[in-house]
Amino acid sequence: MVTFFNYKRYSLSDAQWVGERLRQISTPNTAFRYPKSAVGSYRMSLTITVIGLGQMGGNMALTLKAAGFAVTGSDLFEQARSRLAAQGLPVVAPEELPASDVYLLSLPTSAHVREVIEQSPGLLSLAPKGSVIVDTSTSDPQVSRELAENVISAGLQWLDAPVSGGPKGAASGKLGMLLGGDESTIERVLPMLEAMSAKRTHVGGPGSGHVVKLANNYLCAAHLLTTAEAVAMAAKAGVDPAACLAGLNNGSGRSAVSEVNFPEWVLSERFDSGFTTGLMRKDLRLARDAAEQLDIPSPLLQAVVDAWHANPEQPTDSDDFNHITTPILARASQAEEPS
């Protein structure tokens, strides 16, 4: 686990900082934060190529560019490249990727990540030795560990860094990140991670970030179902949904779903979180598959997977994932069946 001390307490020259850092790495259970002067110069020299310019990747690329990094964006679709180019981001086609210090991937599935790394454009052979591949996608941990091994064998570095916070968090640099990889790799790209995220947690080696991300998304999916049922029950009993949530959020039953998702997207009926039902269904299948590979009985996980796949039309894969609550909440307003 990595924690970072606050460098603002110190006023050191670069030479003093090097000495301080050498002292730290010889002492267990400590880590560091780059001094401001070092961060500024490192940002100016660090080159980043963002592959995948959807709502998440595009916003991450713009955030990093605004923070002072040299950023190039790439996407298979010309429309995505044109959209980001209109916002001032240098873009290239996949076959024209530049040599970079970091290749930041924001792609839909593990299959897309594998293709980019092994086939087209083929980062294993294209990326300069020593460069870092950072996968911010929500990927299959088993595939991630296989890819990480191949990446490292090719003389590159690997970091899985799945994110939470949606397009809004990507645009504001306030994402949450779960990091799987070596501490030395994290330290190398730390200024980039700090510019992208408000919270970062190092959970283990390659693939570990994706394991914890799947666990997180499983809980989020379950909380959407259980919170919707709880609110529907209260509404049926005559309690206003907003009042019910206020009560839940003052008790032990609260969660990010009750504190954020319900007021932000469900009760407001905005349903514009930027994360689709199809992506959540994919993540739940990955979580179920991971549990099966580990031979862990997970009846509750399977029940959640089944509930999310029960009706592919309500919600559809393209709907906002918070729409899973809509049919559940609708039950509270349905007339009682005659006996």
C-alpha atoms as a PDB file:
ATOM      1  CA  MET A   1       0.000   0.000   0.000  1.00  0.00           C
ATOM      2  CA  VAL A   2       1.336   3.430  -0.883  1.00  0.00           C
ATOM      3  CA  THR A   3       0.680   6.619   1.058  1.00  0.00           C
ATOM      4  CA  PHE A   4       2.196   9.992   0.344  1.00  0.00           C
ATOM      5  CA  PHE A   5       3.580  12.511   2.803  1.00  0.00           C
ATOM      6  CA  ASN A   6       2.857  16.188   2.265  1.00  0.00           C
ATOM      7  CA  TYR A   7       5.884  17.786   0.672  1.00  0.00           C
ATOM      8  CA  LYS A   8       4.534  21.294   1.336  1.00  0.00           C
ATOM      9  CA  ARG A   9       6.044  21.092   4.830  1.00  0.00           C
ATOM     10  CA  TYR A  10       9.515  21.142   3.332  1.00  0.00           C
ATOM     11  CA  SER A  11      11.519  23.820   1.580  1.00  0.00           C
ATOM     12  CA  LEU A  12      14.356  21.947  -0.050  1.00  0.00           C
ATOM     13  CA  SER A  13      16.692  22.516  -2.951  1.00  0.00           C
ATOM     14  CA  ASP A  14      16.733  19.857  -5.628  1.00  0.00           C
ATOM     15  CA  ALA A  15      19.914  18.396  -4.125  1.00  0.00           C
ATOM     16  CA  GLN A  16      18.327  18.284  -0.669  1.00  0.00           C
ATOM     17  CA  TRP A  17      15.233  16.681  -2.133  1.00  0.00           C
ATOM     18  CA  VAL A  18      17.315  13.904  -3.710  1.00  0.00           C
ATOM     19  CA  GLY A  19      18.979  13.281  -0.357  1.00  0.00           C
ATOM     20  CA  GLU A  20      15.637  13.243   1.408  1.00  0.00           C
ATOM     21  CA  ARG A  21      14.250  10.801  -1.145  1.00  0.00           C
ATOM     22  CA  LEU A  22      17.242   8.472  -0.777  1.00  0.00           C
ATOM     23  CA  ARG A  23      16.712   8.486   2.971  1.00  0.00           C
ATOM     24  CA  GLN A  24      13.040   7.631   2.513  1.00  0.00           C
ATOM     25  CA  ILE A  25      13.455   4.697   0.156  1.00  0.00           C
ATOM     26  CA  SER A  26      15.822   3.114   2.685  1.00  0.00           C
ATOM     27  CA  THR A  27      13.092   3.358   5.358  1.00  0.00           C
ATOM     28  CA  PRO A  28      10.144   0.910   5.223  1.00  0.00           C
ATOM     29  CA  ASN A  29       6.531   2.016   4.851  1.00  0.00           C
ATOM     30  CA  THR A  30       7.204   5.508   3.532  1.00  0.00           C
ATOM     31  CA  ALA A  31       6.584   7.113   0.188  1.00  0.00           C
ATOM     32  CA  PHE A  32       6.884  10.552  -1.297  1.00  0.00           C
ATOM     33  CA  ARG A  33       5.320  13.380  -3.209  1.00  0.00           C
ATOM     34  CA  TYR A  34       7.335  15.166  -5.869  1.00  0.00           C
ATOM     35  CA  PRO A  35       8.277  18.741  -4.911  1.00  0.00           C
ATOM     36  CA  LYS A  36       6.470  21.389  -6.912  1.00  0.00           C
ATOM     37  CA  SER A  37       9.537  22.334  -8.937  1.00  0.00           C
ATOM     38  CA  ALA A  38      10.151  18.717  -9.905  1.00  0.00           C
ATOM     39  CA  VAL A  39       6.500  18.129 -10.792  1.00  0.00           C
ATOM     40  CA  GLY A  40       6.403  21.159 -13.081  1.00  0.00           C
ATOM     41  CA  SER A  41       9.506  20.198 -15.024  1.00  0.00           C
ATOM     42  CA  TYR A  42       8.441  16.555 -15.215  1.00  0.00           C
ATOM     43  CA  ARG A  43       5.057  17.488 -16.638  1.00  0.00           C
ATOM     44  CA  MET A  44       6.716  19.516 -19.347  1.00  0.00           C
ATOM     45  CA  SER A  45       8.854  16.515 -20.361  1.00  0.00           C
ATOM     46  CA  LEU A  46       6.332  13.666 -19.925  1.00  0.00           C
ATOM     47  CA  THR A  47       4.627  12.695 -23.186  1.00  0.00           C
ATOM     48  CA  ILE A  48       1.267  10.901 -23.057  1.00  0.00           C
ATOM     49  CA  THR A  49      -0.801   9.253 -25.764  1.00  0.00           C
ATOM     50  CA  VAL A  50      -4.432   8.624 -24.812  1.00  0.00           C
ATOM     51  CA  ILE A  51      -5.999   5.773 -26.791  1.00  0.00           C
ATOM     52  CA  GLY A  52      -9.794   5.813 -26.722  1.00  0.00           C
ATOM     53  CA  LEU A  53     -11.420   9.253 -26.886  1.00  0.00           C
ATOM     54  CA  GLY A  54     -14.908   8.498 -25.616  1.00  0.00           C
ATOM     55  CA  GLN A  55     -16.521  10.418 -22.769  1.00  0.00           C
ATOM     56  CA  MET A  56     -13.937   9.158 -20.286  1.00  0.00           C
ATOM     57  CA  GLY A  57     -10.776   9.056 -22.397  1.00  0.00           C
ATOM     58  CA  GLY A  58     -11.519  12.331 -24.135  1.00  0.00           C
ATOM     59  CA  ASN A  59     -12.071  14.169 -20.860  1.00  0.00           C
ATOM     60  CA  MET A  60      -8.978  12.622 -19.298  1.00  0.00           C
ATOM     61  CA  ALA A  61      -6.905  13.741 -22.290  1.00  0.00           C
ATOM     62  CA  LEU A  62      -8.195  17.322 -22.036  1.00  0.00           C
ATOM     63  CA  THR A  63      -7.601  17.377 -18.278  1.00  0.00           C
ATOM     64  CA  LEU A  64      -4.007  16.220 -18.686  1.00  0.00           C
ATOM     65  CA  LYS A  65      -3.387  18.746 -21.454  1.00  0.00           C
ATOM     66  CA  ALA A  66      -4.755  21.548 -19.258  1.00  0.00           C
ATOM     67  CA  ALA A  67      -2.432  20.392 -16.457  1.00  0.00           C
ATOM     68  CA  GLY A  68       0.616  21.001 -18.655  1.00  0.00           C
ATOM     69  CA  PHE A  69       1.394  17.557 -20.052  1.00  0.00           C
ATOM     70  CA  ALA A  70       2.254  16.935 -23.705  1.00  0.00           C
ATOM     71  CA  VAL A  71      -0.793  14.904 -24.756  1.00  0.00           C
ATOM     72  CA  THR A  72      -1.799  13.289 -28.045  1.00  0.00           C
ATOM     73  CA  GLY A  73      -5.149  11.567 -28.509  1.00  0.00           C
ATOM     74  CA  SER A  74      -6.053   8.664 -30.756  1.00  0.00           C
ATOM     75  CA  ASP A  75      -9.242   6.777 -31.535  1.00  0.00           C
ATOM     76  CA  LEU A  76     -10.339   4.280 -34.136  1.00  0.00           C
ATOM     77  CA  PHE A  77     -13.255   6.542 -35.091  1.00  0.00           C
ATOM     78  CA  GLU A  78     -12.588   9.744 -37.000  1.00  0.00           C
ATOM     79  CA  GLN A  79     -15.642  11.396 -35.430  1.00  0.00           C
ATOM     80  CA  ALA A  80     -14.137  11.025 -31.961  1.00  0.00           C
ATOM     81  CA  ARG A  81     -10.795  12.403 -33.145  1.00  0.00           C
ATOM     82  CA  SER A  82     -12.483  15.388 -34.798  1.00  0.00           C
ATOM     83  CA  ARG A  83     -14.502  16.166 -31.672  1.00  0.00           C
ATOM     84  CA  LEU A  84     -11.389  16.339 -29.515  1.00  0.00           C
ATOM     85  CA  ALA A  85      -9.368  18.179 -32.156  1.00  0.00           C
ATOM     86  CA  ALA A  86     -12.050  20.881 -32.144  1.00  0.00           C
ATOM     87  CA  GLN A  87     -11.351  21.280 -28.415  1.00  0.00           C
ATOM     88  CA  GLY A  88      -7.634  21.829 -29.012  1.00  0.00           C
ATOM     89  CA  LEU A  89      -6.252  18.319 -28.482  1.00  0.00           C
ATOM     90  CA  PRO A  90      -3.620  17.073 -30.965  1.00  0.00           C
ATOM     91  CA  VAL A  91      -4.967  13.840 -32.449  1.00  0.00           C
ATOM     92  CA  VAL A  92      -3.660  11.092 -34.736  1.00  0.00           C
ATOM     93  CA  ALA A  93      -5.043   7.967 -36.361  1.00  0.00           C
ATOM     94  CA  PRO A  94      -4.126   4.655 -34.636  1.00  0.00           C
ATOM     95  CA  GLU A  95      -1.537   3.829 -37.293  1.00  0.00           C
ATOM     96  CA  GLU A  96       0.234   7.137 -36.618  1.00  0.00           C
ATOM     97  CA  LEU A  97       0.841   6.837 -32.865  1.00  0.00           C
ATOM     98  CA  PRO A  98       3.863   8.834 -31.699  1.00  0.00           C
ATOM     99  CA  ALA A  99       6.586   7.546 -29.408  1.00  0.00           C
ATOM    100  CA  SER A 100       5.455   8.418 -25.864  1.00  0.00           C
ATOM    101  CA  ASP A 101       6.442   7.948 -22.243  1.00  0.00           C
ATOM    102  CA  VAL A 102       2.912   6.804 -21.340  1.00  0.00           C
ATOM    103  CA  TYR A 103       0.139   5.128 -23.324  1.00  0.00           C
ATOM    104  CA  LEU A 104      -3.125   5.666 -21.452  1.00  0.00           C
ATOM    105  CA  LEU A 105      -5.881   3.271 -22.535  1.00  0.00           C
ATOM    106  CA  SER A 106      -9.585   4.026 -22.079  1.00  0.00           C
ATOM    107  CA  LEU A 107     -11.371   1.230 -23.951  1.00  0.00           C
ATOM    108  CA  PRO A 108     -14.674  -0.659 -23.617  1.00  0.00           C
ATOM    109  CA  THR A 109     -13.459  -4.234 -22.970  1.00  0.00           C
ATOM    110  CA  SER A 110     -10.431  -6.440 -22.361  1.00  0.00           C
ATOM    111  CA  ALA A 111     -10.668  -7.601 -25.969  1.00  0.00           C
ATOM    112  CA  HIS A 112     -10.117  -4.026 -27.178  1.00  0.00           C
ATOM    113  CA  VAL A 113      -7.195  -3.609 -24.764  1.00  0.00           C
ATOM    114  CA  ARG A 114      -5.615  -6.834 -26.012  1.00  0.00           C
ATOM    115  CA  GLU A 115      -6.039  -5.766 -29.633  1.00  0.00           C
ATOM    116  CA  VAL A 116      -4.374  -2.394 -29.057  1.00  0.00           C
ATOM    117  CA  ILE A 117      -1.471  -3.970 -27.211  1.00  0.00           C
ATOM    118  CA  GLU A 118      -0.862  -7.092 -29.287  1.00  0.00           C
ATOM    119  CA  GLN A 119      -2.306  -6.463 -32.743  1.00  0.00           C
ATOM    120  CA  SER A 120      -3.382  -3.046 -33.987  1.00  0.00           C
ATOM    121  CA  PRO A 121      -1.599  -0.736 -33.566  1.00  0.00           C
ATOM    122  CA  GLY A 122       0.454  -3.197 -31.471  1.00  0.00           C
ATOM    123  CA  LEU A 123       2.054  -1.377 -28.545  1.00  0.00           C
ATOM    124  CA  LEU A 124       4.236  -4.375 -27.716  1.00  0.00           C
ATOM    125  CA  SER A 125       6.348  -3.660 -30.788  1.00  0.00           C
ATOM    126  CA  LEU A 126       5.504   0.012 -31.300  1.00  0.00           C
ATOM    127  CA  ALA A 127       6.055   1.541 -27.845  1.00  0.00           C
ATOM    128  CA  PRO A 128       9.601   2.617 -26.917  1.00  0.00           C
ATOM    129  CA  LYS A 129      11.364   0.447 -24.351  1.00  0.00           C
ATOM    130  CA  GLY A 130      10.672   1.648 -20.833  1.00  0.00           C
ATOM    131  CA  SER A 131       7.394   3.366 -21.651  1.00  0.00           C
ATOM    132  CA  VAL A 132       4.365   2.734 -19.420  1.00  0.00           C
ATOM    133  CA  ILE A 133       1.029   1.250 -20.498  1.00  0.00           C
ATOM    134  CA  VAL A 134      -1.753   2.406 -18.168  1.00  0.00           C
ATOM    135  CA  ASP A 135      -5.111   0.651 -18.576  1.00  0.00           C
ATOM    136  CA  THR A 136      -7.946   2.743 -17.114  1.00  0.00           C
ATOM    137  CA  SER A 137     -10.609   0.440 -18.579  1.00  0.00           C
ATOM    138  CA  THR A 138     -12.621  -1.977 -16.429  1.00  0.00           C
ATOM    139  CA  SER A 139     -11.037  -5.175 -17.659  1.00  0.00           C
ATOM    140  CA  ASP A 140     -10.919  -8.910 -16.963  1.00  0.00           C
ATOM    141  CA  PRO A 141      -8.234  -9.340 -14.250  1.00  0.00           C
ATOM    142  CA  GLN A 142      -7.008 -12.625 -15.741  1.00  0.00           C
ATOM    143  CA  VAL A 143      -6.515 -10.985 -19.131  1.00  0.00           C
ATOM    144  CA  SER A 144      -4.837  -7.985 -17.476  1.00  0.00           C
ATOM    145  CA  ARG A 145      -2.319 -10.195 -15.704  1.00  0.00           C
ATOM    146  CA  GLU A 146      -1.531 -12.030 -18.934  1.00  0.00           C
ATOM    147  CA  LEU A 147      -1.107  -8.756 -20.819  1.00  0.00           C
ATOM    148  CA  ALA A 148       1.002  -7.292 -18.006  1.00  0.00           C
ATOM    149  CA  GLU A 149       3.369 -10.244 -18.200  1.00  0.00           C
ATOM    150  CA  ASN A 150       3.725  -9.792 -21.964  1.00  0.00           C
ATOM    151  CA  VAL A 151       4.180  -6.028 -21.608  1.00  0.00           C
ATOM    152  CA  ILE A 152       6.898  -6.393 -18.985  1.00  0.00           C
ATOM    153  CA  SER A 153       8.637  -9.117 -21.007  1.00  0.00           C
ATOM    154  CA  ALA A 154       8.749  -6.678 -23.931  1.00  0.00           C
ATOM    155  CA  GLY A 155      10.698  -4.157 -21.835  1.00  0.00           C
ATOM    156  CA  LEU A 156       7.702  -1.942 -21.044  1.00  0.00           C
ATOM    157  CA  GLN A 157       5.948  -1.133 -17.769  1.00  0.00           C
ATOM    158  CA  TRP A 158       2.346  -1.889 -16.797  1.00  0.00           C
ATOM    159  CA  LEU A 159      -0.224  -0.277 -14.522  1.00  0.00           C
ATOM    160  CA  ASP A 160      -3.890  -1.119 -14.331  1.00  0.00           C
ATOM    161  CA  ALA A 161      -5.771   1.946 -13.098  1.00  0.00           C
ATOM    162  CA  PRO A 162      -9.550   1.536 -13.476  1.00  0.00           C
ATOM    163  CA  VAL A 163     -11.403   4.714 -12.617  1.00  0.00           C
ATOM    164  CA  SER A 164     -14.647   5.863 -11.040  1.00  0.00           C
ATOM    165  CA  GLY A 165     -16.288   9.259 -11.098  1.00  0.00           C
ATOM    166  CA  GLY A 166     -17.692   9.252 -14.616  1.00  0.00           C
ATOM    167  CA  PRO A 167     -17.161  11.859 -17.344  1.00  0.00           C
ATOM    168  CA  LYS A 168     -17.613  14.660 -14.808  1.00  0.00           C
ATOM    169  CA  GLY A 169     -14.761  13.324 -12.678  1.00  0.00           C
ATOM    170  CA  ALA A 170     -12.590  12.856 -15.764  1.00  0.00           C
ATOM    171  CA  ALA A 171     -13.223  16.447 -16.850  1.00  0.00           C
ATOM    172  CA  SER A 172     -12.508  17.911 -13.405  1.00  0.00           C
ATOM    173  CA  GLY A 173      -9.491  15.746 -12.536  1.00  0.00           C
ATOM    174  CA  LYS A 174     -11.341  14.260  -9.559  1.00  0.00           C
ATOM    175  CA  LEU A 175     -11.506  10.594 -10.519  1.00  0.00           C
ATOM    176  CA  GLY A 176     -10.999   7.743  -8.087  1.00  0.00           C
ATOM    177  CA  MET A 177      -8.328   5.274  -9.210  1.00  0.00           C
ATOM    178  CA  LEU A 178      -7.520   1.701  -8.162  1.00  0.00           C
ATOM    179  CA  LEU A 179      -3.903   0.918  -8.976  1.00  0.00           C
ATOM    180  CA  GLY A 180      -2.442  -2.489  -9.781  1.00  0.00           C
ATOM    181  CA  GLY A 181       1.275  -2.595 -10.513  1.00  0.00           C
ATOM    182  CA  ASP A 182       4.730  -1.981  -9.097  1.00  0.00           C
ATOM    183  CA  GLU A 183       5.308   0.946  -6.756  1.00  0.00           C
ATOM    184  CA  SER A 184       8.188   2.121  -8.947  1.00  0.00           C
ATOM    185  CA  THR A 185       5.806   2.406 -11.905  1.00  0.00           C
ATOM    186  CA  ILE A 186       3.312   4.376  -9.817  1.00  0.00           C
ATOM    187  CA  GLU A 187       6.041   6.749  -8.681  1.00  0.00           C
ATOM    188  CA  ARG A 188       7.137   7.331 -12.255  1.00  0.00           C
ATOM    189  CA  VAL A 189       3.667   8.397 -13.429  1.00  0.00           C
ATOM    190  CA  LEU A 190       2.496   9.918 -10.126  1.00  0.00           C
ATOM    191  CA  PRO A 191       2.276  13.520 -11.413  1.00  0.00           C
ATOM    192  CA  MET A 192      -0.022  12.305 -14.194  1.00  0.00           C
ATOM    193  CA  LEU A 193      -2.170  10.328 -11.742  1.00  0.00           C
ATOM    194  CA  GLU A 194      -2.409  13.334  -9.421  1.00  0.00           C
ATOM    195  CA  ALA A 195      -3.617  15.528 -12.270  1.00  0.00           C
ATOM    196  CA  MET A 196      -6.350  13.013 -13.146  1.00  0.00           C
ATOM    197  CA  SER A 197      -7.645  11.954  -9.765  1.00  0.00           C
ATOM    198  CA  ALA A 198      -8.672  13.067  -6.298  1.00  0.00           C
ATOM    199  CA  LYS A 199      -8.137   9.644  -4.733  1.00  0.00           C
ATOM    200  CA  ARG A 200      -5.722   6.857  -5.599  1.00  0.00           C
ATOM    201  CA  THR A 201      -5.408   3.482  -3.873  1.00  0.00           C
ATOM    202  CA  HIS A 202      -2.627   1.016  -4.623  1.00  0.00           C
ATOM    203  CA  VAL A 203      -4.211  -2.393  -4.039  1.00  0.00           C
ATOM    204  CA  GLY A 204      -1.500  -4.760  -5.263  1.00  0.00           C
ATOM    205  CA  GLY A 205       0.318  -6.058  -8.313  1.00  0.00           C
ATOM    206  CA  PRO A 206      -0.835  -6.209 -11.959  1.00  0.00           C
ATOM    207  CA  GLY A 207      -4.514  -7.090 -12.275  1.00  0.00           C
ATOM    208  CA  SER A 208      -5.322  -6.203  -8.674  1.00  0.00           C
ATOM    209  CA  GLY A 209      -6.828  -2.858  -9.622  1.00  0.00           C
ATOM    210  CA  HIS A 210      -9.263  -4.604 -11.937  1.00  0.00           C
ATOM    211  CA  VAL A 211     -10.176  -7.193  -9.282  1.00  0.00           C
ATOM    212  CA  VAL A 212     -11.154  -4.476  -6.821  1.00  0.00           C
ATOM    213  CA  LYS A 213     -12.931  -2.478  -9.527  1.00  0.00           C
ATOM    214  CA  LEU A 214     -15.153  -5.459 -10.331  1.00  0.00           C
ATOM    215  CA  ALA A 215     -15.874  -5.916  -6.620  1.00  0.00           C
ATOM    216  CA  ASN A 216     -16.772  -2.234  -6.400  1.00  0.00           C
ATOM    217  CA  ASN A 217     -19.099  -2.357  -9.405  1.00  0.00           C
ATOM    218  CA  TYR A 218     -20.791  -5.487  -8.066  1.00  0.00           C
ATOM    219  CA  LEU A 219     -21.576  -3.647  -4.833  1.00  0.00           C
ATOM    220  CA  CYS A 220     -22.765  -0.567  -6.731  1.00  0.00           C
ATOM    221  CA  ALA A 221     -25.088  -2.716  -8.865  1.00  0.00           C
ATOM    222  CA  ALA A 222     -26.439  -4.454  -5.765  1.00  0.00           C
ATOM    223  CA  HIS A 223     -26.936  -1.155  -3.915  1.00  0.00           C
ATOM    224  CA  LEU A 224     -28.970   0.254  -6.790  1.00  0.00           C
ATOM    225  CA  LEU A 225     -31.354  -2.714  -6.524  1.00  0.00           C
ATOM    226  CA  THR A 226     -31.617  -2.792  -2.736  1.00  0.00           C
ATOM    227  CA  THR A 227     -31.901   0.982  -2.338  1.00  0.00           C
ATOM    228  CA  ALA A 228     -34.629   1.114  -4.983  1.00  0.00           C
ATOM    229  CA  GLU A 229     -36.557  -1.632  -3.193  1.00  0.00           C
ATOM    230  CA  ALA A 230     -36.170   0.148   0.147  1.00  0.00           C
ATOM    231  CA  VAL A 231     -37.342   3.485  -1.281  1.00  0.00           C
ATOM    232  CA  ALA A 232     -40.246   1.791  -3.083  1.00  0.00           C
ATOM    233  CA  MET A 233     -41.316   0.083   0.140  1.00  0.00           C
ATOM    234  CA  ALA A 234     -41.241   3.382   2.016  1.00  0.00           C
ATOM    235  CA  ALA A 235     -43.107   5.187  -0.775  1.00  0.00           C
ATOM    236  CA  LYS A 236     -45.807   2.503  -0.767  1.00  0.00           C
ATOM    237  CA  ALA A 237     -46.167   3.135   2.960  1.00  0.00           C
ATOM    238  CA  GLY A 238     -46.652   6.863   2.345  1.00  0.00           C
ATOM    239  CA  VAL A 239     -43.102   8.156   2.921  1.00  0.00           C
ATOM    240  CA  ASP A 240     -41.739  10.683   0.431  1.00  0.00           C
ATOM    241  CA  PRO A 241     -38.719   9.192  -1.416  1.00  0.00           C
ATOM    242  CA  ALA A 242     -36.520  12.213  -0.663  1.00  0.00           C
ATOM    243  CA  ALA A 243     -37.400  11.999   3.032  1.00  0.00           C
ATOM    244  CA  CYS A 244     -36.700   8.263   2.992  1.00  0.00           C
ATOM    245  CA  LEU A 245     -33.252   8.867   1.491  1.00  0.00           C
ATOM    246  CA  ALA A 246     -32.490  11.565   4.039  1.00  0.00           C
ATOM    247  CA  GLY A 247     -33.254   9.060   6.761  1.00  0.00           C
ATOM    248  CA  LEU A 248     -31.221   6.297   5.161  1.00  0.00           C
ATOM    249  CA  ASN A 249     -28.258   8.609   4.733  1.00  0.00           C
ATOM    250  CA  ASN A 250     -28.303   9.340   8.451  1.00  0.00           C
ATOM    251  CA  GLY A 251     -28.124   5.618   9.239  1.00  0.00           C
ATOM    252  CA  SER A 252     -25.991   2.560   8.645  1.00  0.00           C
ATOM    253  CA  GLY A 253     -27.831   1.650   5.444  1.00  0.00           C
ATOM    254  CA  ARG A 254     -26.378   4.548   3.503  1.00  0.00           C
ATOM    255  CA  SER A 255     -24.090   4.072   0.497  1.00  0.00           C
ATOM    256  CA  ALA A 256     -22.705   6.101  -2.399  1.00  0.00           C
ATOM    257  CA  VAL A 257     -25.818   5.035  -4.294  1.00  0.00           C
ATOM    258  CA  SER A 258     -28.156   6.533  -1.701  1.00  0.00           C
ATOM    259  CA  GLU A 259     -25.986   9.609  -1.164  1.00  0.00           C
ATOM    260  CA  VAL A 260     -25.061  10.366  -4.794  1.00  0.00           C
ATOM    261  CA  ASN A 261     -26.835   8.289  -7.441  1.00  0.00           C
ATOM    262  CA  PHE A 262     -30.373   8.652  -6.150  1.00  0.00           C
ATOM    263  CA  PRO A 263     -30.434  12.428  -5.626  1.00  0.00           C
ATOM    264  CA  GLU A 264     -28.176  13.181  -8.609  1.00  0.00           C
ATOM    265  CA  TRP A 265     -29.709  10.949 -11.286  1.00  0.00           C
ATOM    266  CA  VAL A 266     -32.708   8.927 -10.056  1.00  0.00           C
ATOM    267  CA  LEU A 267     -35.015  11.294  -8.160  1.00  0.00           C
ATOM    268  CA  SER A 268     -34.034  14.128 -10.509  1.00  0.00           C
ATOM    269  CA  GLU A 269     -34.842  11.829 -13.457  1.00  0.00           C
ATOM    270  CA  ARG A 270     -31.802  13.181 -15.290  1.00  0.00           C
ATOM    271  CA  PHE A 271     -30.217   9.777 -15.879  1.00  0.00           C
ATOM    272  CA  ASP A 272     -27.113  11.266 -17.486  1.00  0.00           C
ATOM    273  CA  SER A 273     -24.281   9.763 -15.431  1.00  0.00           C
ATOM    274  CA  GLY A 274     -22.354   8.773 -18.575  1.00  0.00           C
ATOM    275  CA  PHE A 275     -22.212   5.079 -17.608  1.00  0.00           C
ATOM    276  CA  THR A 276     -24.497   2.718 -19.515  1.00  0.00           C
ATOM    277  CA  THR A 277     -26.472  -0.312 -18.418  1.00  0.00           C
ATOM    278  CA  GLY A 278     -24.602  -2.381 -20.994  1.00  0.00           C
ATOM    279  CA  LEU A 279     -21.261  -1.560 -19.369  1.00  0.00           C
ATOM    280  CA  MET A 280     -22.557  -2.455 -15.909  1.00  0.00           C
ATOM    281  CA  ARG A 281     -23.940  -5.741 -17.219  1.00  0.00           C
ATOM    282  CA  LYS A 282     -20.544  -6.473 -18.773  1.00  0.00           C
ATOM    283  CA  ASP A 283     -18.771  -5.720 -15.483  1.00  0.00           C
ATOM    284  CA  LEU A 284     -21.153  -7.968 -13.554  1.00  0.00           C
ATOM    285  CA  ARG A 285     -20.480 -10.839 -15.939  1.00  0.00           C
ATOM    286  CA  LEU A 286     -16.752 -10.283 -15.456  1.00  0.00           C
ATOM    287  CA  ALA A 287     -17.195 -10.324 -11.664  1.00  0.00           C
ATOM    288  CA  ARG A 288     -19.215 -13.557 -11.858  1.00  0.00           C
ATOM    289  CA  ASP A 289     -16.610 -15.148 -14.138  1.00  0.00           C
ATOM    290  CA  ALA A 290     -13.810 -14.113 -11.783  1.00  0.00           C
ATOM    291  CA  ALA A 291     -15.622 -15.709  -8.842  1.00  0.00           C
ATOM    292  CA  GLU A 292     -16.173 -18.904 -10.835  1.00  0.00           C
ATOM    293  CA  GLN A 293     -12.499 -19.071 -11.841  1.00  0.00           C
ATOM    294  CA  LEU A 294     -11.604 -18.801  -8.141  1.00  0.00           C
ATOM    295  CA  ASP A 295     -14.162 -21.524  -7.282  1.00  0.00           C
ATOM    296  CA  ILE A 296     -15.928 -19.222  -4.825  1.00  0.00           C
ATOM    297  CA  PRO A 297     -19.670 -19.850  -4.323  1.00  0.00           C
ATOM    298  CA  SER A 298     -21.337 -16.448  -4.834  1.00  0.00           C
ATOM    299  CA  PRO A 299     -25.126 -16.855  -4.772  1.00  0.00           C
ATOM    300  CA  LEU A 300     -25.779 -13.178  -4.044  1.00  0.00           C
ATOM    301  CA  LEU A 301     -23.523 -12.096  -6.900  1.00  0.00           C
ATOM    302  CA  GLN A 302     -25.366 -14.463  -9.223  1.00  0.00           C
ATOM    303  CA  ALA A 303     -28.709 -13.069  -8.039  1.00  0.00           C
ATOM    304  CA  VAL A 304     -27.541  -9.538  -8.857  1.00  0.00           C
ATOM    305  CA  VAL A 305     -26.282 -10.645 -12.283  1.00  0.00           C
ATOM    306  CA  ASP A 306     -29.647 -12.300 -12.966  1.00  0.00           C
ATOM    307  CA  ALA A 307     -31.605  -9.220 -11.849  1.00  0.00           C
ATOM    308  CA  TRP A 308     -29.610  -6.948 -14.161  1.00  0.00           C
ATOM    309  CA  HIS A 309     -30.140  -9.307 -17.113  1.00  0.00           C
ATOM    310  CA  ALA A 310     -33.789 -10.182 -16.424  1.00  0.00           C
ATOM    311  CA  ASN A 311     -35.224  -7.749 -18.963  1.00  0.00           C
ATOM    312  CA  PRO A 312     -32.870  -6.548 -21.729  1.00  0.00           C
ATOM    313  CA  GLU A 313     -35.432  -3.924 -22.772  1.00  0.00           C
ATOM    314  CA  GLN A 314     -35.977  -2.352 -19.368  1.00  0.00           C
ATOM    315  CA  PRO A 315     -33.453  -0.862 -19.246  1.00  0.00           C
ATOM    316  CA  THR A 316     -31.733  -1.300 -22.592  1.00  0.00           C
ATOM    317  CA  ASP A 317     -27.950  -1.564 -22.826  1.00  0.00           C
ATOM    318  CA  SER A 318     -27.744   2.023 -24.090  1.00  0.00           C
ATOM    319  CA  ASP A 319     -29.752   3.444 -21.165  1.00  0.00           C
ATOM    320  CA  ASP A 320     -28.052   5.100 -18.216  1.00  0.00           C
ATOM    321  CA  PHE A 321     -27.293   2.389 -15.655  1.00  0.00           C
ATOM    322  CA  ASN A 322     -29.299   4.165 -12.946  1.00  0.00           C
ATOM    323  CA  HIS A 323     -32.413   3.290 -14.961  1.00  0.00           C
ATOM    324  CA  ILE A 324     -32.275  -0.190 -13.372  1.00  0.00           C
ATOM    325  CA  THR A 325     -34.201   1.473 -10.513  1.00  0.00           C
ATOM    326  CA  THR A 326     -37.093   2.665 -12.720  1.00  0.00           C
ATOM    327  CA  PRO A 327     -39.198  -0.517 -12.856  1.00  0.00           C
ATOM    328  CA  ILE A 328     -38.594  -1.155  -9.145  1.00  0.00           C
ATOM    329  CA  LEU A 329     -39.721   2.331  -8.106  1.00  0.00           C
ATOM    330  CA  ALA A 330     -42.708   2.103 -10.448  1.00  0.00           C
ATOM    331  CA  ARG A 331     -44.104  -0.697  -8.283  1.00  0.00           C
ATOM    332  CA  ALA A 332     -44.759   1.766  -5.483  1.00  0.00           C
ATOM    333  CA  SER A 333     -47.283   3.661  -7.612  1.00  0.00           C
ATOM    334  CA  GLN A 334     -49.026   0.623  -9.040  1.00  0.00           C
ATOM    335  CA  ALA A 335     -52.575   0.013  -7.858  1.00  0.00           C
ATOM    336  CA  GLU A 336     -52.965  -2.983  -5.603  1.00  0.00           C
ATOM    337  CA  GLU A 337     -54.267  -6.112  -7.301  1.00  0.00           C
ATOM    338  CA  PRO A 338     -57.878  -6.931  -6.298  1.00  0.00           C
ATOM    339  CA  SER A 339     -58.038  -9.953  -4.006  1.00  0.00           C
END
